[in-house]
Amino acid sequence: MSESSNRKTGMKLILLAVSSIALSGCVTTVDEDLFADARVLEKTKECSMVQVPVYGVVDRPASSAEVAAGAVVGGLIGNQIGKGNGRKAMTALGAIVGGNQGAQRKRERVITGYKEERQCRTVYK
């Protein structure tokens, strides 16, 4: 046989061996000592008391800075909308509307207190 023929036959044998291993599910042996120190984890439940925040909604008046910022932003927007002689009127109207929006009462979500609550979690030991 020629060298080329020997190579082809060798490649065929390697492909046949790989295919048979792949099709058979790669049978392997297990070393018993590999799992000698293994331990089984048990599912347990750990519970504890924790502090949980209690939220409430508070109405508060707007600050003068919020009113001023609303007026400035409204004036700038109005200035961009107006054209010609109407630009001054739109700037003034924008400042009035923006200041009014800034003066609205604000609602805030705040922590009003804490309560104790039992919380549990699953751990494996």
C-alpha atoms as a PDB file:
ATOM      1  CA  MET A   1       0.000   0.000   0.000  1.00  0.00           C
ATOM      2  CA  SER A   2       1.093   3.499  -0.644  1.00  0.00           C
ATOM      3  CA  GLU A   3       1.629   6.099   2.065  1.00  0.00           C
ATOM      4  CA  SER A   4      -1.425   8.075   0.869  1.00  0.00           C
ATOM      5  CA  SER A   5      -3.587   4.962   1.067  1.00  0.00           C
ATOM      6  CA  ASN A   6      -2.354   4.225   4.613  1.00  0.00           C
ATOM      7  CA  ARG A   7      -3.227   7.778   5.686  1.00  0.00           C
ATOM      8  CA  LYS A   8      -6.744   7.484   4.247  1.00  0.00           C
ATOM      9  CA  THR A   9      -7.303   4.155   5.983  1.00  0.00           C
ATOM     10  CA  GLY A  10      -6.043   5.581   9.279  1.00  0.00           C
ATOM     11  CA  MET A  11      -8.331   8.608   8.977  1.00  0.00           C
ATOM     12  CA  LYS A  12     -11.287   6.327   8.256  1.00  0.00           C
ATOM     13  CA  LEU A  13     -10.544   4.287  11.379  1.00  0.00           C
ATOM     14  CA  ILE A  14     -10.290   7.422  13.524  1.00  0.00           C
ATOM     15  CA  LEU A  15     -13.582   8.761  12.128  1.00  0.00           C
ATOM     16  CA  LEU A  16     -15.241   5.387  12.732  1.00  0.00           C
ATOM     17  CA  ALA A  17     -14.012   5.326  16.344  1.00  0.00           C
ATOM     18  CA  VAL A  18     -15.153   8.913  17.007  1.00  0.00           C
ATOM     19  CA  SER A  19     -18.538   8.227  15.438  1.00  0.00           C
ATOM     20  CA  SER A  20     -19.104   5.091  17.473  1.00  0.00           C
ATOM     21  CA  ILE A  21     -18.182   6.895  20.712  1.00  0.00           C
ATOM     22  CA  ALA A  22     -20.499   9.791  19.849  1.00  0.00           C
ATOM     23  CA  LEU A  23     -23.376   7.458  19.001  1.00  0.00           C
ATOM     24  CA  SER A  24     -22.901   5.239  22.059  1.00  0.00           C
ATOM     25  CA  GLY A  25     -23.128   8.176  24.472  1.00  0.00           C
ATOM     26  CA  CYS A  26     -19.465   8.229  25.501  1.00  0.00           C
ATOM     27  CA  VAL A  27     -19.382   5.341  27.946  1.00  0.00           C
ATOM     28  CA  THR A  28     -17.022   6.219  30.774  1.00  0.00           C
ATOM     29  CA  THR A  29     -16.008   4.562  33.986  1.00  0.00           C
ATOM     30  CA  VAL A  30     -16.481   6.258  37.340  1.00  0.00           C
ATOM     31  CA  ASP A  31     -13.739   6.237  39.911  1.00  0.00           C
ATOM     32  CA  GLU A  32     -15.303   5.374  43.291  1.00  0.00           C
ATOM     33  CA  ASP A  33     -12.790   7.541  45.189  1.00  0.00           C
ATOM     34  CA  LEU A  34     -13.950  10.581  43.235  1.00  0.00           C
ATOM     35  CA  PHE A  35     -17.159  10.794  45.268  1.00  0.00           C
ATOM     36  CA  ALA A  36     -15.822   9.492  48.600  1.00  0.00           C
ATOM     37  CA  ASP A  37     -15.825  12.963  50.228  1.00  0.00           C
ATOM     38  CA  ALA A  38     -19.086  14.084  48.634  1.00  0.00           C
ATOM     39  CA  ARG A  39     -21.943  15.080  50.917  1.00  0.00           C
ATOM     40  CA  VAL A  40     -25.601  15.611  50.272  1.00  0.00           C
ATOM     41  CA  LEU A  41     -26.891  19.116  51.009  1.00  0.00           C
ATOM     42  CA  GLU A  42     -30.165  19.293  52.886  1.00  0.00           C
ATOM     43  CA  LYS A  43     -32.783  21.914  52.143  1.00  0.00           C
ATOM     44  CA  THR A  44     -33.659  23.962  55.235  1.00  0.00           C
ATOM     45  CA  LYS A  45     -35.665  27.071  55.939  1.00  0.00           C
ATOM     46  CA  GLU A  46     -34.091  29.962  57.880  1.00  0.00           C
ATOM     47  CA  CYS A  47     -36.364  32.644  59.300  1.00  0.00           C
ATOM     48  CA  SER A  48     -35.605  35.905  61.086  1.00  0.00           C
ATOM     49  CA  MET A  49     -37.323  39.107  62.148  1.00  0.00           C
ATOM     50  CA  VAL A  50     -36.372  42.131  60.018  1.00  0.00           C
ATOM     51  CA  GLN A  51     -37.249  45.833  60.015  1.00  0.00           C
ATOM     52  CA  VAL A  52     -39.376  46.730  56.980  1.00  0.00           C
ATOM     53  CA  PRO A  53     -40.057  50.389  56.069  1.00  0.00           C
ATOM     54  CA  VAL A  54     -43.658  51.631  56.024  1.00  0.00           C
ATOM     55  CA  TYR A  55     -44.308  54.224  53.301  1.00  0.00           C
ATOM     56  CA  GLY A  56     -46.793  57.050  53.272  1.00  0.00           C
ATOM     57  CA  VAL A  57     -47.667  59.974  51.008  1.00  0.00           C
ATOM     58  CA  VAL A  58     -47.101  63.522  52.264  1.00  0.00           C
ATOM     59  CA  ASP A  59     -48.473  66.699  50.670  1.00  0.00           C
ATOM     60  CA  ARG A  60     -46.152  69.663  50.928  1.00  0.00           C
ATOM     61  CA  PRO A  61     -46.244  73.183  49.549  1.00  0.00           C
ATOM     62  CA  ALA A  62     -43.864  74.103  46.752  1.00  0.00           C
ATOM     63  CA  SER A  63     -40.736  76.023  47.651  1.00  0.00           C
ATOM     64  CA  SER A  64     -40.035  79.455  46.202  1.00  0.00           C
ATOM     65  CA  ALA A  65     -37.123  77.930  44.251  1.00  0.00           C
ATOM     66  CA  GLU A  66     -39.518  75.509  42.526  1.00  0.00           C
ATOM     67  CA  VAL A  67     -41.866  78.373  41.608  1.00  0.00           C
ATOM     68  CA  ALA A  68     -38.981  80.458  40.242  1.00  0.00           C
ATOM     69  CA  ALA A  69     -37.574  77.515  38.262  1.00  0.00           C
ATOM     70  CA  GLY A  70     -41.011  76.835  36.769  1.00  0.00           C
ATOM     71  CA  ALA A  71     -41.359  80.482  35.726  1.00  0.00           C
ATOM     72  CA  VAL A  72     -37.899  80.533  34.113  1.00  0.00           C
ATOM     73  CA  VAL A  73     -38.460  77.307  32.184  1.00  0.00           C
ATOM     74  CA  GLY A  74     -41.941  78.414  31.115  1.00  0.00           C
ATOM     75  CA  GLY A  75     -40.560  81.778  29.959  1.00  0.00           C
ATOM     76  CA  LEU A  76     -37.824  80.100  27.914  1.00  0.00           C
ATOM     77  CA  ILE A  77     -40.308  77.792  26.225  1.00  0.00           C
ATOM     78  CA  GLY A  78     -42.701  80.664  25.544  1.00  0.00           C
ATOM     79  CA  ASN A  79     -39.866  82.707  24.057  1.00  0.00           C
ATOM     80  CA  GLN A  80     -39.126  79.896  21.585  1.00  0.00           C
ATOM     81  CA  ILE A  81     -42.771  79.609  20.522  1.00  0.00           C
ATOM     82  CA  GLY A  82     -43.544  83.303  19.949  1.00  0.00           C
ATOM     83  CA  LYS A  83     -42.704  85.133  16.722  1.00  0.00           C
ATOM     84  CA  GLY A  84     -42.336  88.857  16.112  1.00  0.00           C
ATOM     85  CA  ASN A  85     -44.415  91.043  18.465  1.00  0.00           C
ATOM     86  CA  GLY A  86     -46.057  87.963  20.009  1.00  0.00           C
ATOM     87  CA  ARG A  87     -42.749  86.750  21.392  1.00  0.00           C
ATOM     88  CA  LYS A  88     -42.968  89.015  24.496  1.00  0.00           C
ATOM     89  CA  ALA A  89     -46.548  87.957  25.140  1.00  0.00           C
ATOM     90  CA  MET A  90     -45.683  84.241  24.803  1.00  0.00           C
ATOM     91  CA  THR A  91     -42.653  84.683  27.077  1.00  0.00           C
ATOM     92  CA  ALA A  92     -44.837  86.310  29.752  1.00  0.00           C
ATOM     93  CA  LEU A  93     -47.576  83.678  29.346  1.00  0.00           C
ATOM     94  CA  GLY A  94     -45.005  80.877  29.552  1.00  0.00           C
ATOM     95  CA  ALA A  95     -43.528  82.369  32.726  1.00  0.00           C
ATOM     96  CA  ILE A  96     -46.990  82.628  34.316  1.00  0.00           C
ATOM     97  CA  VAL A  97     -47.959  79.054  33.371  1.00  0.00           C
ATOM     98  CA  GLY A  98     -44.558  77.659  34.418  1.00  0.00           C
ATOM     99  CA  GLY A  99     -44.663  79.491  37.747  1.00  0.00           C
ATOM    100  CA  ASN A 100     -48.183  78.185  38.348  1.00  0.00           C
ATOM    101  CA  GLN A 101     -47.086  74.630  37.632  1.00  0.00           C
ATOM    102  CA  GLY A 102     -44.085  75.025  39.916  1.00  0.00           C
ATOM    103  CA  ALA A 103     -46.379  76.298  42.696  1.00  0.00           C
ATOM    104  CA  GLN A 104     -48.538  73.140  42.754  1.00  0.00           C
ATOM    105  CA  ARG A 105     -48.472  71.158  45.977  1.00  0.00           C
ATOM    106  CA  LYS A 106     -46.046  68.268  45.797  1.00  0.00           C
ATOM    107  CA  ARG A 107     -46.871  64.723  46.820  1.00  0.00           C
ATOM    108  CA  GLU A 108     -43.913  62.738  48.087  1.00  0.00           C
ATOM    109  CA  ARG A 109     -43.597  59.122  49.113  1.00  0.00           C
ATOM    110  CA  VAL A 110     -41.698  59.028  52.401  1.00  0.00           C
ATOM    111  CA  ILE A 111     -40.882  56.459  55.071  1.00  0.00           C
ATOM    112  CA  THR A 112     -43.264  57.064  57.956  1.00  0.00           C
ATOM    113  CA  GLY A 113     -42.022  54.272  60.202  1.00  0.00           C
ATOM    114  CA  TYR A 114     -40.841  50.683  60.431  1.00  0.00           C
ATOM    115  CA  LYS A 115     -42.521  47.410  61.313  1.00  0.00           C
ATOM    116  CA  GLU A 116     -41.070  44.042  62.251  1.00  0.00           C
ATOM    117  CA  GLU A 117     -41.782  41.273  59.812  1.00  0.00           C
ATOM    118  CA  ARG A 118     -40.801  37.608  59.751  1.00  0.00           C
ATOM    119  CA  GLN A 119     -38.954  36.716  56.548  1.00  0.00           C
ATOM    120  CA  CYS A 120     -37.796  33.253  55.555  1.00  0.00           C
ATOM    121  CA  ARG A 121     -35.398  31.942  52.942  1.00  0.00           C
ATOM    122  CA  THR A 122     -34.344  28.506  51.733  1.00  0.00           C
ATOM    123  CA  VAL A 123     -30.739  27.475  52.327  1.00  0.00           C
ATOM    124  CA  TYR A 124     -28.857  24.289  51.610  1.00  0.00           C
ATOM    125  CA  LYS A 125     -26.540  22.959  54.330  1.00  0.00           C
END
